[in-house]
Amino acid sequence: METQNMIAADITSRLQILDTLSNDALFGSYLNVADPNEPNWKQRFFDSQAMYDRLKSIKQVADPQGLFICKNCVGSDD
């Protein structure tokens, strides 16, 4: 677990450097090249809270029992 925490901290640190170079603009990202510990993941991955909420309402229709879930995906905060 210690090694995993060190790796996660290193990834977060490196991505913060890139954010600094982009003047901290949240340009967006996609999950396979993102920091899995991104604190602003809804905004980073889905653009805005409004867009996230819209996608979540669609997901609730398509997956009412919440079976399809992954870290930082729509509905994972439930």
C-alpha atoms as a PDB file:
ATOM      1  CA  MET A   1       0.000   0.000   0.000  1.00  0.00           C
ATOM      2  CA  GLU A   2       2.893   2.343   0.768  1.00  0.00           C
ATOM      3  CA  THR A   3       4.249   1.907  -2.773  1.00  0.00           C
ATOM      4  CA  GLN A   4       0.829   2.593  -4.290  1.00  0.00           C
ATOM      5  CA  ASN A   5       0.493   5.799  -2.276  1.00  0.00           C
ATOM      6  CA  MET A   6       3.955   6.945  -3.378  1.00  0.00           C
ATOM      7  CA  ILE A   7       3.128   6.271  -7.040  1.00  0.00           C
ATOM      8  CA  ALA A   8      -0.226   8.089  -6.745  1.00  0.00           C
ATOM      9  CA  ALA A   9       1.470  11.090  -5.134  1.00  0.00           C
ATOM     10  CA  ASP A  10       4.112  11.133  -7.882  1.00  0.00           C
ATOM     11  CA  ILE A  11       1.464  11.101 -10.637  1.00  0.00           C
ATOM     12  CA  THR A  12      -0.478  13.887  -8.948  1.00  0.00           C
ATOM     13  CA  SER A  13       2.701  15.941  -8.554  1.00  0.00           C
ATOM     14  CA  ARG A  14       3.655  15.541 -12.217  1.00  0.00           C
ATOM     15  CA  LEU A  15       0.190  16.486 -13.430  1.00  0.00           C
ATOM     16  CA  GLN A  16       0.205  19.566 -11.211  1.00  0.00           C
ATOM     17  CA  ILE A  17       3.332  20.673 -13.068  1.00  0.00           C
ATOM     18  CA  LEU A  18       1.457  20.345 -16.367  1.00  0.00           C
ATOM     19  CA  ASP A  19      -1.493  22.265 -14.933  1.00  0.00           C
ATOM     20  CA  THR A  20       0.869  25.064 -13.936  1.00  0.00           C
ATOM     21  CA  LEU A  21       2.186  25.236 -17.494  1.00  0.00           C
ATOM     22  CA  SER A  22      -1.383  25.617 -18.745  1.00  0.00           C
ATOM     23  CA  ASN A  23      -2.065  28.462 -16.276  1.00  0.00           C
ATOM     24  CA  ASP A  24      -4.222  26.054 -14.238  1.00  0.00           C
ATOM     25  CA  ALA A  25      -6.844  25.983 -16.995  1.00  0.00           C
ATOM     26  CA  LEU A  26      -9.010  22.883 -16.768  1.00  0.00           C
ATOM     27  CA  PHE A  27      -8.908  22.045 -20.455  1.00  0.00           C
ATOM     28  CA  GLY A  28     -10.333  18.613 -19.916  1.00  0.00           C
ATOM     29  CA  SER A  29      -8.928  15.166 -20.037  1.00  0.00           C
ATOM     30  CA  TYR A  30     -10.006  11.633 -20.555  1.00  0.00           C
ATOM     31  CA  LEU A  31      -9.745   8.780 -18.142  1.00  0.00           C
ATOM     32  CA  ASN A  32      -6.867   6.769 -19.566  1.00  0.00           C
ATOM     33  CA  VAL A  33      -4.393   9.685 -19.393  1.00  0.00           C
ATOM     34  CA  ALA A  34      -5.660  11.350 -16.262  1.00  0.00           C
ATOM     35  CA  ASP A  35      -4.678  11.411 -12.638  1.00  0.00           C
ATOM     36  CA  PRO A  36      -6.935   8.815 -10.979  1.00  0.00           C
ATOM     37  CA  ASN A  37      -6.840  10.979  -7.853  1.00  0.00           C
ATOM     38  CA  GLU A  38      -7.895  14.175  -9.646  1.00  0.00           C
ATOM     39  CA  PRO A  39      -9.718  16.241  -7.012  1.00  0.00           C
ATOM     40  CA  ASN A  40     -11.822  18.107  -9.614  1.00  0.00           C
ATOM     41  CA  TRP A  41     -12.643  15.047 -11.681  1.00  0.00           C
ATOM     42  CA  LYS A  42     -16.210  16.035 -12.538  1.00  0.00           C
ATOM     43  CA  GLN A  43     -15.092  19.316 -14.055  1.00  0.00           C
ATOM     44  CA  ARG A  44     -11.944  17.859 -15.636  1.00  0.00           C
ATOM     45  CA  PHE A  45     -13.630  14.848 -17.242  1.00  0.00           C
ATOM     46  CA  PHE A  46     -17.152  16.149 -17.870  1.00  0.00           C
ATOM     47  CA  ASP A  47     -16.662  19.924 -18.357  1.00  0.00           C
ATOM     48  CA  SER A  48     -19.144  21.222 -15.799  1.00  0.00           C
ATOM     49  CA  GLN A  49     -21.461  20.183 -12.989  1.00  0.00           C
ATOM     50  CA  ALA A  50     -24.416  20.822 -15.312  1.00  0.00           C
ATOM     51  CA  MET A  51     -23.027  18.412 -17.928  1.00  0.00           C
ATOM     52  CA  TYR A  52     -22.224  15.833 -15.253  1.00  0.00           C
ATOM     53  CA  ASP A  53     -25.776  16.122 -13.860  1.00  0.00           C
ATOM     54  CA  ARG A  54     -27.228  15.674 -17.351  1.00  0.00           C
ATOM     55  CA  LEU A  55     -25.123  12.569 -17.956  1.00  0.00           C
ATOM     56  CA  LYS A  56     -26.053  11.237 -14.524  1.00  0.00           C
ATOM     57  CA  SER A  57     -29.770  11.580 -15.286  1.00  0.00           C
ATOM     58  CA  ILE A  58     -29.237   9.667 -18.543  1.00  0.00           C
ATOM     59  CA  LYS A  59     -27.265   6.983 -16.691  1.00  0.00           C
ATOM     60  CA  GLN A  60     -30.065   6.589 -14.140  1.00  0.00           C
ATOM     61  CA  VAL A  61     -32.443   5.739 -16.998  1.00  0.00           C
ATOM     62  CA  ALA A  62     -30.016   3.349 -18.711  1.00  0.00           C
ATOM     63  CA  ASP A  63     -28.626   1.791 -15.501  1.00  0.00           C
ATOM     64  CA  PRO A  64     -31.263   2.257 -12.766  1.00  0.00           C
ATOM     65  CA  GLN A  65     -29.608  -0.253 -10.420  1.00  0.00           C
ATOM     66  CA  GLY A  66     -26.170   1.355 -10.749  1.00  0.00           C
ATOM     67  CA  LEU A  67     -24.433  -1.810 -11.906  1.00  0.00           C
ATOM     68  CA  PHE A  68     -21.958  -0.117 -14.249  1.00  0.00           C
ATOM     69  CA  ILE A  69     -19.545   1.872 -12.146  1.00  0.00           C
ATOM     70  CA  CYS A  70     -15.881   2.802 -12.103  1.00  0.00           C
ATOM     71  CA  LYS A  71     -13.739   5.325 -10.252  1.00  0.00           C
ATOM     72  CA  ASN A  72     -14.441   8.894 -11.423  1.00  0.00           C
ATOM     73  CA  CYS A  73     -17.222   7.822 -13.748  1.00  0.00           C
ATOM     74  CA  VAL A  74     -20.719   9.240 -13.881  1.00  0.00           C
ATOM     75  CA  GLY A  75     -22.537   8.060 -10.782  1.00  0.00           C
ATOM     76  CA  SER A  76     -19.442   6.936  -8.885  1.00  0.00           C
ATOM     77  CA  ASP A  77     -20.036   9.589  -6.235  1.00  0.00           C
ATOM     78  CA  ASP A  78     -23.245   7.896  -5.074  1.00  0.00           C
END
